[in-house]
Amino acid sequence: MRGELSLYEIQIALAASYRLAEWVSIYGGPFAYFADGDLDVEKDSPWAVWIPEGKALLLESSYDIDQTTQFGGYVGAQFDLTGRLGLGIEYQHTAGTDAVTAGLAWRF
C-alpha cells in the first residue's frame, strides 16, 4: 500500500513561568489543540479482490481527518546545562491523551 497524508495542526497555549534557581525554570498553563487533514491510500501494484459476478473491488480509500478541539494543560522545566546548552522536559494532558517530551537546545 502507499498513501498520501495532508495534515495541519494548531496548538495555542498560555504560559506562566517561574525561575527556581539560576539554572532551572518551571512553566505551565492551559492549551487548545486542533487538527484537520486528509489521508488517501491505495494498493501500489495491480492487485484486486474479486467478488461474485466477476467484478473486482479495488483497494483505494480516502479518509477525512477531523479532530475536535481538545483542551488540556501542560507543565515543564527548562534546565540550563551550560551557557549554551539547555534541556527541556514537558508533560501535556487532555481528557483523551498524554504526552511527555524532552529536547536539547543549543544557543548560537
PDB file of N, CA and C in Angstrom:
ATOM      1  N   MET A   1       0.847  -1.177   0.000  1.00  0.00           N
ATOM      2  CA  MET A   1       0.000   0.000   0.000  1.00  0.00           C
ATOM      3  C   MET A   1       0.890   1.237   0.000  1.00  0.00           C
ATOM      4  N   ARG A   2       0.390   2.293  -0.570  1.00  0.00           N
ATOM      5  CA  ARG A   2       1.055   3.585  -0.490  1.00  0.00           C
ATOM      6  C   ARG A   2      -0.022   4.620  -0.211  1.00  0.00           C
ATOM      7  N   GLY A   3       0.401   5.736   0.300  1.00  0.00           N
ATOM      8  CA  GLY A   3      -0.587   6.740   0.647  1.00  0.00           C
ATOM      9  C   GLY A   3      -0.010   8.130   0.706  1.00  0.00           C
ATOM     10  N   GLU A   4      -0.921   9.068   0.865  1.00  0.00           N
ATOM     11  CA  GLU A   4      -0.556  10.477   0.980  1.00  0.00           C
ATOM     12  C   GLU A   4      -1.361  11.077   2.121  1.00  0.00           C
ATOM     13  N   LEU A   5      -0.663  11.748   3.004  1.00  0.00           N
ATOM     14  CA  LEU A   5      -1.283  12.382   4.161  1.00  0.00           C
ATOM     15  C   LEU A   5      -1.088  13.881   4.066  1.00  0.00           C
ATOM     16  N   SER A   6      -2.171  14.613   4.160  1.00  0.00           N
ATOM     17  CA  SER A   6      -2.137  16.068   4.213  1.00  0.00           C
ATOM     18  C   SER A   6      -2.763  16.460   5.551  1.00  0.00           C
ATOM     19  N   LEU A   7      -1.968  17.069   6.414  1.00  0.00           N
ATOM     20  CA  LEU A   7      -2.438  17.324   7.772  1.00  0.00           C
ATOM     21  C   LEU A   7      -1.891  18.645   8.282  1.00  0.00           C
ATOM     22  N   TYR A   8      -2.724  19.393   8.973  1.00  0.00           N
ATOM     23  CA  TYR A   8      -2.205  20.543   9.693  1.00  0.00           C
ATOM     24  C   TYR A   8      -2.716  20.505  11.116  1.00  0.00           C
ATOM     25  N   GLU A   9      -1.890  20.986  12.012  1.00  0.00           N
ATOM     26  CA  GLU A   9      -2.199  21.005  13.436  1.00  0.00           C
ATOM     27  C   GLU A   9      -1.981  22.417  13.958  1.00  0.00           C
ATOM     28  N   ILE A  10      -2.831  22.811  14.875  1.00  0.00           N
ATOM     29  CA  ILE A  10      -2.698  24.108  15.523  1.00  0.00           C
ATOM     30  C   ILE A  10      -2.795  23.883  17.028  1.00  0.00           C
ATOM     31  N   GLN A  11      -1.860  24.445  17.762  1.00  0.00           N
ATOM     32  CA  GLN A  11      -1.904  24.391  19.216  1.00  0.00           C
ATOM     33  C   GLN A  11      -1.649  25.798  19.736  1.00  0.00           C
ATOM     34  N   ILE A  12      -2.564  26.265  20.546  1.00  0.00           N
ATOM     35  CA  ILE A  12      -2.462  27.595  21.148  1.00  0.00           C
ATOM     36  C   ILE A  12      -2.353  27.403  22.652  1.00  0.00           C
ATOM     37  N   ALA A  13      -1.348  28.029  23.259  1.00  0.00           N
ATOM     38  CA  ALA A  13      -1.097  27.827  24.680  1.00  0.00           C
ATOM     39  C   ALA A  13      -0.836  29.150  25.387  1.00  0.00           C
ATOM     40  N   LEU A  14      -1.218  29.193  26.634  1.00  0.00           N
ATOM     41  CA  LEU A  14      -0.866  30.285  27.538  1.00  0.00           C
ATOM     42  C   LEU A  14       0.122  29.722  28.549  1.00  0.00           C
ATOM     43  N   ALA A  15       1.056  30.545  28.996  1.00  0.00           N
ATOM     44  CA  ALA A  15       2.072  30.025  29.908  1.00  0.00           C
ATOM     45  C   ALA A  15       2.426  31.036  30.981  1.00  0.00           C
ATOM     46  N   ALA A  16       2.783  30.507  32.108  1.00  0.00           N
ATOM     47  CA  ALA A  16       3.391  31.265  33.190  1.00  0.00           C
ATOM     48  C   ALA A  16       4.674  30.526  33.546  1.00  0.00           C
ATOM     49  N   SER A  17       5.721  31.266  33.872  1.00  0.00           N
ATOM     50  CA  SER A  17       6.982  30.611  34.229  1.00  0.00           C
ATOM     51  C   SER A  17       7.528  31.203  35.523  1.00  0.00           C
ATOM     52  N   TYR A  18       8.367  30.387  36.173  1.00  0.00           N
ATOM     53  CA  TYR A  18       8.987  30.807  37.423  1.00  0.00           C
ATOM     54  C   TYR A  18      10.402  30.262  37.456  1.00  0.00           C
ATOM     55  N   ARG A  19      11.381  31.111  37.727  1.00  0.00           N
ATOM     56  CA  ARG A  19      12.781  30.691  37.819  1.00  0.00           C
ATOM     57  C   ARG A  19      13.045  30.228  39.253  1.00  0.00           C
ATOM     58  N   LEU A  20      13.269  28.921  39.416  1.00  0.00           N
ATOM     59  CA  LEU A  20      13.554  28.341  40.734  1.00  0.00           C
ATOM     60  C   LEU A  20      14.978  28.651  41.186  1.00  0.00           C
ATOM     61  N   ALA A  21      15.886  28.602  40.245  1.00  0.00           N
ATOM     62  CA  ALA A  21      17.302  28.880  40.508  1.00  0.00           C
ATOM     63  C   ALA A  21      17.887  29.467  39.235  1.00  0.00           C
ATOM     64  N   GLU A  22      19.137  29.841  39.271  1.00  0.00           N
ATOM     65  CA  GLU A  22      19.757  30.436  38.087  1.00  0.00           C
ATOM     66  C   GLU A  22      19.790  29.481  36.906  1.00  0.00           C
ATOM     67  N   TRP A  23      19.746  28.180  37.147  1.00  0.00           N
ATOM     68  CA  TRP A  23      19.892  27.176  36.095  1.00  0.00           C
ATOM     69  C   TRP A  23      18.613  26.409  35.770  1.00  0.00           C
ATOM     70  N   VAL A  24      17.490  26.674  36.470  1.00  0.00           N
ATOM     71  CA  VAL A  24      16.257  25.925  36.205  1.00  0.00           C
ATOM     72  C   VAL A  24      15.026  26.824  36.320  1.00  0.00           C
ATOM     73  N   SER A  25      14.121  26.654  35.353  1.00  0.00           N
ATOM     74  CA  SER A  25      12.829  27.351  35.353  1.00  0.00           C
ATOM     75  C   SER A  25      11.717  26.331  35.161  1.00  0.00           C
ATOM     76  N   ILE A  26      10.567  26.577  35.757  1.00  0.00           N
ATOM     77  CA  ILE A  26       9.394  25.741  35.525  1.00  0.00           C
ATOM     78  C   ILE A  26       8.328  26.610  34.852  1.00  0.00           C
ATOM     79  N   TYR A  27       7.456  25.971  34.099  1.00  0.00           N
ATOM     80  CA  TYR A  27       6.411  26.693  33.391  1.00  0.00           C
ATOM     81  C   TYR A  27       5.205  25.787  33.201  1.00  0.00           C
ATOM     82  N   GLY A  28       4.081  26.380  32.834  1.00  0.00           N
ATOM     83  CA  GLY A  28       2.891  25.589  32.578  1.00  0.00           C
ATOM     84  C   GLY A  28       1.710  26.476  32.258  1.00  0.00           C
ATOM     85  N   GLY A  29       0.602  25.824  31.910  1.00  0.00           N
ATOM     86  CA  GLY A  29      -0.617  26.551  31.612  1.00  0.00           C
ATOM     87  C   GLY A  29      -1.583  25.720  30.791  1.00  0.00           C
ATOM     88  N   PRO A  30      -2.669  26.336  30.331  1.00  0.00           N
ATOM     89  CA  PRO A  30      -3.666  25.640  29.513  1.00  0.00           C
ATOM     90  C   PRO A  30      -3.325  25.745  28.019  1.00  0.00           C
ATOM     91  N   PHE A  31      -3.906  24.828  27.215  1.00  0.00           N
ATOM     92  CA  PHE A  31      -3.753  24.902  25.766  1.00  0.00           C
ATOM     93  C   PHE A  31      -5.000  24.353  25.077  1.00  0.00           C
ATOM     94  N   ALA A  32      -5.143  24.719  23.804  1.00  0.00           N
ATOM     95  CA  ALA A  32      -6.188  24.175  22.930  1.00  0.00           C
ATOM     96  C   ALA A  32      -5.487  23.604  21.702  1.00  0.00           C
ATOM     97  N   TYR A  33      -5.948  22.430  21.230  1.00  0.00           N
ATOM     98  CA  TYR A  33      -5.319  21.732  20.108  1.00  0.00           C
ATOM     99  C   TYR A  33      -6.382  21.380  19.079  1.00  0.00           C
ATOM    100  N   PHE A  34      -6.047  21.528  17.785  1.00  0.00           N
ATOM    101  CA  PHE A  34      -6.957  21.219  16.703  1.00  0.00           C
ATOM    102  C   PHE A  34      -6.165  20.635  15.532  1.00  0.00           C
ATOM    103  N   ALA A  35      -6.709  19.625  14.857  1.00  0.00           N
ATOM    104  CA  ALA A  35      -6.051  19.039  13.686  1.00  0.00           C
ATOM    105  C   ALA A  35      -7.093  18.780  12.606  1.00  0.00           C
ATOM    106  N   ASP A  36      -6.668  18.892  11.335  1.00  0.00           N
ATOM    107  CA  ASP A  36      -7.552  18.631  10.204  1.00  0.00           C
ATOM    108  C   ASP A  36      -6.701  18.149   9.034  1.00  0.00           C
ATOM    109  N   GLY A  37      -7.241  17.232   8.230  1.00  0.00           N
ATOM    110  CA  GLY A  37      -6.474  16.761   7.089  1.00  0.00           C
ATOM    111  C   GLY A  37      -7.182  15.676   6.317  1.00  0.00           C
ATOM    112  N   ASP A  38      -6.454  15.092   5.373  1.00  0.00           N
ATOM    113  CA  ASP A  38      -6.954  14.019   4.514  1.00  0.00           C
ATOM    114  C   ASP A  38      -5.895  12.938   4.399  1.00  0.00           C
ATOM    115  N   LEU A  39      -6.354  11.670   4.295  1.00  0.00           N
ATOM    116  CA  LEU A  39      -5.471  10.532   4.071  1.00  0.00           C
ATOM    117  C   LEU A  39      -6.018   9.744   2.888  1.00  0.00           C
ATOM    118  N   ASP A  40      -5.184   9.566   1.868  1.00  0.00           N
ATOM    119  CA  ASP A  40      -5.543   8.781   0.689  1.00  0.00           C
ATOM    120  C   ASP A  40      -4.584   7.601   0.601  1.00  0.00           C
ATOM    121  N   VAL A  41      -5.116   6.371   0.502  1.00  0.00           N
ATOM    122  CA  VAL A  41      -4.286   5.169   0.399  1.00  0.00           C
ATOM    123  C   VAL A  41      -4.760   4.329  -0.779  1.00  0.00           C
ATOM    124  N   GLU A  42      -3.798   3.598  -1.398  1.00  0.00           N
ATOM    125  CA  GLU A  42      -4.133   2.705  -2.496  1.00  0.00           C
ATOM    126  C   GLU A  42      -3.075   1.621  -2.592  1.00  0.00           C
ATOM    127  N   LYS A  43      -3.458   0.526  -3.207  1.00  0.00           N
ATOM    128  CA  LYS A  43      -2.519  -0.566  -3.456  1.00  0.00           C
ATOM    129  C   LYS A  43      -1.626  -0.152  -4.612  1.00  0.00           C
ATOM    130  N   ASP A  44      -0.294  -0.297  -4.471  1.00  0.00           N
ATOM    131  CA  ASP A  44       0.631   0.192  -5.492  1.00  0.00           C
ATOM    132  C   ASP A  44       1.012  -0.848  -6.542  1.00  0.00           C
ATOM    133  N   SER A  45       0.309  -1.965  -6.572  1.00  0.00           N
ATOM    134  CA  SER A  45       0.552  -2.952  -7.629  1.00  0.00           C
ATOM    135  C   SER A  45      -0.803  -3.419  -8.171  1.00  0.00           C
ATOM    136  N   PRO A  46      -0.840  -4.012  -9.372  1.00  0.00           N
ATOM    137  CA  PRO A  46      -2.122  -4.415  -9.958  1.00  0.00           C
ATOM    138  C   PRO A  46      -2.707  -5.626  -9.237  1.00  0.00           C
ATOM    139  N   TRP A  47      -3.390  -5.371  -8.167  1.00  0.00           N
ATOM    140  CA  TRP A  47      -3.980  -6.445  -7.362  1.00  0.00           C
ATOM    141  C   TRP A  47      -5.371  -6.008  -6.956  1.00  0.00           C
ATOM    142  N   ALA A  48      -6.316  -6.876  -7.061  1.00  0.00           N
ATOM    143  CA  ALA A  48      -7.700  -6.548  -6.712  1.00  0.00           C
ATOM    144  C   ALA A  48      -8.332  -7.740  -6.017  1.00  0.00           C
ATOM    145  N   VAL A  49      -9.364  -7.494  -5.268  1.00  0.00           N
ATOM    146  CA  VAL A  49     -10.131  -8.548  -4.612  1.00  0.00           C
ATOM    147  C   VAL A  49     -11.339  -8.832  -5.491  1.00  0.00           C
ATOM    148  N   TRP A  50     -11.491 -10.109  -5.922  1.00  0.00           N
ATOM    149  CA  TRP A  50     -12.606 -10.466  -6.804  1.00  0.00           C
ATOM    150  C   TRP A  50     -13.815 -10.847  -5.967  1.00  0.00           C
ATOM    151  N   ILE A  51     -14.939 -10.315  -6.348  1.00  0.00           N
ATOM    152  CA  ILE A  51     -16.191 -10.607  -5.656  1.00  0.00           C
ATOM    153  C   ILE A  51     -17.122 -11.298  -6.650  1.00  0.00           C
ATOM    154  N   PRO A  52     -18.232 -11.883  -6.199  1.00  0.00           N
ATOM    155  CA  PRO A  52     -19.148 -12.599  -7.113  1.00  0.00           C
ATOM    156  C   PRO A  52     -19.557 -11.742  -8.313  1.00  0.00           C
ATOM    157  N   GLU A  53     -19.965 -12.391  -9.376  1.00  0.00           N
ATOM    158  CA  GLU A  53     -20.411 -11.779 -10.624  1.00  0.00           C
ATOM    159  C   GLU A  53     -19.232 -11.216 -11.428  1.00  0.00           C
ATOM    160  N   GLY A  54     -18.002 -11.667 -11.149  1.00  0.00           N
ATOM    161  CA  GLY A  54     -16.847 -11.285 -11.936  1.00  0.00           C
ATOM    162  C   GLY A  54     -16.413  -9.838 -11.787  1.00  0.00           C
ATOM    163  N   LYS A  55     -16.819  -9.185 -10.732  1.00  0.00           N
ATOM    164  CA  LYS A  55     -16.430  -7.790 -10.511  1.00  0.00           C
ATOM    165  C   LYS A  55     -15.225  -7.735  -9.575  1.00  0.00           C
ATOM    166  N   ALA A  56     -14.454  -6.674  -9.709  1.00  0.00           N
ATOM    167  CA  ALA A  56     -13.266  -6.501  -8.875  1.00  0.00           C
ATOM    168  C   ALA A  56     -13.497  -5.348  -7.904  1.00  0.00           C
ATOM    169  N   LEU A  57     -13.014  -5.516  -6.713  1.00  0.00           N
ATOM    170  CA  LEU A  57     -13.056  -4.462  -5.700  1.00  0.00           C
ATOM    171  C   LEU A  57     -11.645  -3.910  -5.576  1.00  0.00           C
ATOM    172  N   LEU A  58     -11.412  -2.688  -6.047  1.00  0.00           N
ATOM    173  CA  LEU A  58     -10.086  -2.090  -5.978  1.00  0.00           C
ATOM    174  C   LEU A  58      -9.819  -1.582  -4.573  1.00  0.00           C
ATOM    175  N   LEU A  59      -8.580  -1.670  -4.159  1.00  0.00           N
ATOM    176  CA  LEU A  59      -8.210  -1.275  -2.810  1.00  0.00           C
ATOM    177  C   LEU A  59      -7.732   0.173  -2.794  1.00  0.00           C
ATOM    178  N   GLU A  60      -8.663   1.101  -2.797  1.00  0.00           N
ATOM    179  CA  GLU A  60      -8.387   2.521  -2.687  1.00  0.00           C
ATOM    180  C   GLU A  60      -9.338   3.106  -1.654  1.00  0.00           C
ATOM    181  N   SER A  61      -8.815   3.951  -0.792  1.00  0.00           N
ATOM    182  CA  SER A  61      -9.642   4.562   0.241  1.00  0.00           C
ATOM    183  C   SER A  61      -9.201   5.995   0.465  1.00  0.00           C
ATOM    184  N   SER A  62     -10.136   6.809   0.921  1.00  0.00           N
ATOM    185  CA  SER A  62      -9.853   8.190   1.258  1.00  0.00           C
ATOM    186  C   SER A  62     -10.542   8.497   2.583  1.00  0.00           C
ATOM    187  N   TYR A  63      -9.827   9.150   3.472  1.00  0.00           N
ATOM    188  CA  TYR A  63     -10.349   9.448   4.803  1.00  0.00           C
ATOM    189  C   TYR A  63     -10.198  10.928   5.104  1.00  0.00           C
ATOM    190  N   ASP A  64     -11.182  11.484   5.761  1.00  0.00           N
ATOM    191  CA  ASP A  64     -11.121  12.865   6.223  1.00  0.00           C
ATOM    192  C   ASP A  64     -10.785  12.835   7.704  1.00  0.00           C
ATOM    193  N   ILE A  65      -9.734  13.529   8.088  1.00  0.00           N
ATOM    194  CA  ILE A  65      -9.297  13.551   9.484  1.00  0.00           C
ATOM    195  C   ILE A  65      -9.777  14.848  10.116  1.00  0.00           C
ATOM    196  N   ASP A  66     -10.726  14.732  11.022  1.00  0.00           N
ATOM    197  CA  ASP A  66     -11.244  15.895  11.743  1.00  0.00           C
ATOM    198  C   ASP A  66     -11.080  15.652  13.228  1.00  0.00           C
ATOM    199  N   GLN A  67     -10.219  16.402  13.845  1.00  0.00           N
ATOM    200  CA  GLN A  67     -10.005  16.306  15.289  1.00  0.00           C
ATOM    201  C   GLN A  67     -10.765  17.444  15.944  1.00  0.00           C
ATOM    202  N   THR A  68     -11.708  17.096  16.808  1.00  0.00           N
ATOM    203  CA  THR A  68     -12.398  18.153  17.527  1.00  0.00           C
ATOM    204  C   THR A  68     -11.393  18.853  18.432  1.00  0.00           C
ATOM    205  N   THR A  69     -11.682  20.057  18.794  1.00  0.00           N
ATOM    206  CA  THR A  69     -10.769  20.821  19.636  1.00  0.00           C
ATOM    207  C   THR A  69     -10.603  20.126  20.983  1.00  0.00           C
ATOM    208  N   GLN A  70      -9.357  19.918  21.350  1.00  0.00           N
ATOM    209  CA  GLN A  70      -9.019  19.313  22.635  1.00  0.00           C
ATOM    210  C   GLN A  70      -8.461  20.405  23.545  1.00  0.00           C
ATOM    211  N   PHE A  71      -8.941  20.460  24.760  1.00  0.00           N
ATOM    212  CA  PHE A  71      -8.415  21.389  25.744  1.00  0.00           C
ATOM    213  C   PHE A  71      -7.615  20.603  26.762  1.00  0.00           C
ATOM    214  N   GLY A  72      -6.525  21.176  27.219  1.00  0.00           N
ATOM    215  CA  GLY A  72      -5.698  20.478  28.186  1.00  0.00           C
ATOM    216  C   GLY A  72      -4.765  21.431  28.894  1.00  0.00           C
ATOM    217  N   GLY A  73      -3.814  20.833  29.572  1.00  0.00           N
ATOM    218  CA  GLY A  73      -2.836  21.612  30.306  1.00  0.00           C
ATOM    219  C   GLY A  73      -1.457  20.994  30.174  1.00  0.00           C
ATOM    220  N   TYR A  74      -0.451  21.784  30.498  1.00  0.00           N
ATOM    221  CA  TYR A  74       0.919  21.285  30.404  1.00  0.00           C
ATOM    222  C   TYR A  74       1.766  21.901  31.500  1.00  0.00           C
ATOM    223  N   VAL A  75       2.835  21.192  31.818  1.00  0.00           N
ATOM    224  CA  VAL A  75       3.824  21.667  32.787  1.00  0.00           C
ATOM    225  C   VAL A  75       5.188  21.202  32.294  1.00  0.00           C
ATOM    226  N   GLY A  76       6.204  22.037  32.499  1.00  0.00           N
ATOM    227  CA  GLY A  76       7.533  21.669  32.024  1.00  0.00           C
ATOM    228  C   GLY A  76       8.624  22.337  32.831  1.00  0.00           C
ATOM    229  N   ALA A  77       9.834  21.932  32.525  1.00  0.00           N
ATOM    230  CA  ALA A  77      11.009  22.501  33.182  1.00  0.00           C
ATOM    231  C   ALA A  77      12.098  22.712  32.145  1.00  0.00           C
ATOM    232  N   GLN A  78      12.833  23.807  32.294  1.00  0.00           N
ATOM    233  CA  GLN A  78      13.963  24.136  31.418  1.00  0.00           C
ATOM    234  C   GLN A  78      15.212  24.202  32.286  1.00  0.00           C
ATOM    235  N   PHE A  79      16.199  23.371  31.946  1.00  0.00           N
ATOM    236  CA  PHE A  79      17.453  23.311  32.703  1.00  0.00           C
ATOM    237  C   PHE A  79      18.575  23.875  31.841  1.00  0.00           C
ATOM    238  N   ASP A  80      19.308  24.846  32.343  1.00  0.00           N
ATOM    239  CA  ASP A  80      20.482  25.373  31.658  1.00  0.00           C
ATOM    240  C   ASP A  80      21.687  24.523  32.073  1.00  0.00           C
ATOM    241  N   LEU A  81      22.118  23.631  31.168  1.00  0.00           N
ATOM    242  CA  LEU A  81      23.208  22.714  31.484  1.00  0.00           C
ATOM    243  C   LEU A  81      24.562  23.408  31.384  1.00  0.00           C
ATOM    244  N   THR A  82      24.729  24.242  30.368  1.00  0.00           N
ATOM    245  CA  THR A  82      25.920  25.076  30.214  1.00  0.00           C
ATOM    246  C   THR A  82      25.425  26.442  29.756  1.00  0.00           C
ATOM    247  N   GLY A  83      26.339  27.350  29.441  1.00  0.00           N
ATOM    248  CA  GLY A  83      25.925  28.663  28.957  1.00  0.00           C
ATOM    249  C   GLY A  83      25.159  28.610  27.647  1.00  0.00           C
ATOM    250  N   ARG A  84      25.388  27.557  26.848  1.00  0.00           N
ATOM    251  CA  ARG A  84      24.747  27.445  25.539  1.00  0.00           C
ATOM    252  C   ARG A  84      23.833  26.244  25.383  1.00  0.00           C
ATOM    253  N   LEU A  85      23.855  25.305  26.286  1.00  0.00           N
ATOM    254  CA  LEU A  85      23.083  24.068  26.142  1.00  0.00           C
ATOM    255  C   LEU A  85      21.986  24.005  27.193  1.00  0.00           C
ATOM    256  N   GLY A  86      20.746  23.777  26.720  1.00  0.00           N
ATOM    257  CA  GLY A  86      19.614  23.668  27.633  1.00  0.00           C
ATOM    258  C   GLY A  86      18.852  22.371  27.409  1.00  0.00           C
ATOM    259  N   LEU A  87      18.247  21.846  28.456  1.00  0.00           N
ATOM    260  CA  LEU A  87      17.434  20.640  28.412  1.00  0.00           C
ATOM    261  C   LEU A  87      16.026  21.012  28.834  1.00  0.00           C
ATOM    262  N   GLY A  88      15.057  20.661  28.012  1.00  0.00           N
ATOM    263  CA  GLY A  88      13.653  20.909  28.345  1.00  0.00           C
ATOM    264  C   GLY A  88      12.892  19.609  28.470  1.00  0.00           C
ATOM    265  N   ILE A  89      12.042  19.508  29.489  1.00  0.00           N
ATOM    266  CA  ILE A  89      11.183  18.343  29.700  1.00  0.00           C
ATOM    267  C   ILE A  89       9.774  18.878  29.922  1.00  0.00           C
ATOM    268  N   GLU A  90       8.788  18.266  29.235  1.00  0.00           N
ATOM    269  CA  GLU A  90       7.416  18.767  29.318  1.00  0.00           C
ATOM    270  C   GLU A  90       6.419  17.622  29.341  1.00  0.00           C
ATOM    271  N   TYR A  91       5.313  17.820  30.063  1.00  0.00           N
ATOM    272  CA  TYR A  91       4.209  16.872  30.119  1.00  0.00           C
ATOM    273  C   TYR A  91       2.938  17.604  29.699  1.00  0.00           C
ATOM    274  N   GLN A  92       2.174  17.001  28.751  1.00  0.00           N
ATOM    275  CA  GLN A  92       0.902  17.563  28.304  1.00  0.00           C
ATOM    276  C   GLN A  92      -0.207  16.555  28.570  1.00  0.00           C
ATOM    277  N   HIS A  93      -1.391  17.077  28.933  1.00  0.00           N
ATOM    278  CA  HIS A  93      -2.525  16.204  29.250  1.00  0.00           C
ATOM    279  C   HIS A  93      -3.820  16.771  28.694  1.00  0.00           C
ATOM    280  N   THR A  94      -4.616  15.913  28.038  1.00  0.00           N
ATOM    281  CA  THR A  94      -6.004  16.212  27.692  1.00  0.00           C
ATOM    282  C   THR A  94      -6.843  15.053  28.215  1.00  0.00           C
ATOM    283  N   ALA A  95      -8.159  15.143  28.041  1.00  0.00           N
ATOM    284  CA  ALA A  95      -9.037  14.069  28.509  1.00  0.00           C
ATOM    285  C   ALA A  95      -8.749  12.741  27.810  1.00  0.00           C
ATOM    286  N   GLY A  96      -8.241  12.787  26.563  1.00  0.00           N
ATOM    287  CA  GLY A  96      -8.009  11.560  25.815  1.00  0.00           C
ATOM    288  C   GLY A  96      -6.570  11.185  25.573  1.00  0.00           C
ATOM    289  N   THR A  97      -5.623  12.062  25.842  1.00  0.00           N
ATOM    290  CA  THR A  97      -4.224  11.766  25.529  1.00  0.00           C
ATOM    291  C   THR A  97      -3.276  12.359  26.561  1.00  0.00           C
ATOM    292  N   ASP A  98      -2.092  11.778  26.606  1.00  0.00           N
ATOM    293  CA  ASP A  98      -1.000  12.284  27.432  1.00  0.00           C
ATOM    294  C   ASP A  98       0.264  12.250  26.581  1.00  0.00           C
ATOM    295  N   ALA A  99       1.159  13.187  26.817  1.00  0.00           N
ATOM    296  CA  ALA A  99       2.423  13.218  26.087  1.00  0.00           C
ATOM    297  C   ALA A  99       3.532  13.697  27.006  1.00  0.00           C
ATOM    298  N   VAL A 100       4.700  13.103  26.834  1.00  0.00           N
ATOM    299  CA  VAL A 100       5.907  13.539  27.538  1.00  0.00           C
ATOM    300  C   VAL A 100       6.953  13.806  26.464  1.00  0.00           C
ATOM    301  N   THR A 101       7.593  14.966  26.536  1.00  0.00           N
ATOM    302  CA  THR A 101       8.610  15.316  25.551  1.00  0.00           C
ATOM    303  C   THR A 101       9.886  15.761  26.263  1.00  0.00           C
ATOM    304  N   ALA A 102      10.978  15.652  25.558  1.00  0.00           N
ATOM    305  CA  ALA A 102      12.260  16.154  26.050  1.00  0.00           C
ATOM    306  C   ALA A 102      13.040  16.661  24.844  1.00  0.00           C
ATOM    307  N   GLY A 103      13.855  17.666  25.060  1.00  0.00           N
ATOM    308  CA  GLY A 103      14.636  18.200  23.955  1.00  0.00           C
ATOM    309  C   GLY A 103      15.851  18.962  24.444  1.00  0.00           C
ATOM    310  N   LEU A 104      16.856  18.990  23.577  1.00  0.00           N
ATOM    311  CA  LEU A 104      18.058  19.761  23.841  1.00  0.00           C
ATOM    312  C   LEU A 104      18.059  20.989  22.936  1.00  0.00           C
ATOM    313  N   ALA A 105      18.477  22.128  23.457  1.00  0.00           N
ATOM    314  CA  ALA A 105      18.583  23.355  22.672  1.00  0.00           C
ATOM    315  C   ALA A 105      19.999  23.894  22.778  1.00  0.00           C
ATOM    316  N   TRP A 106      20.599  24.141  21.610  1.00  0.00           N
ATOM    317  CA  TRP A 106      21.939  24.722  21.538  1.00  0.00           C
ATOM    318  C   TRP A 106      21.798  26.158  21.097  1.00  0.00           C
ATOM    319  N   ARG A 107      22.276  27.086  21.894  1.00  0.00           N
ATOM    320  CA  ARG A 107      22.188  28.510  21.570  1.00  0.00           C
ATOM    321  C   ARG A 107      23.471  28.930  20.863  1.00  0.00           C
ATOM    322  N   PHE A 108      23.328  29.600  19.730  1.00  0.00           N
ATOM    323  CA  PHE A 108      24.475  30.064  18.961  1.00  0.00           C
ATOM    324  C   PHE A 108      24.993  31.363  19.525  1.00  0.00           C
TER     325      PHE A 108
END
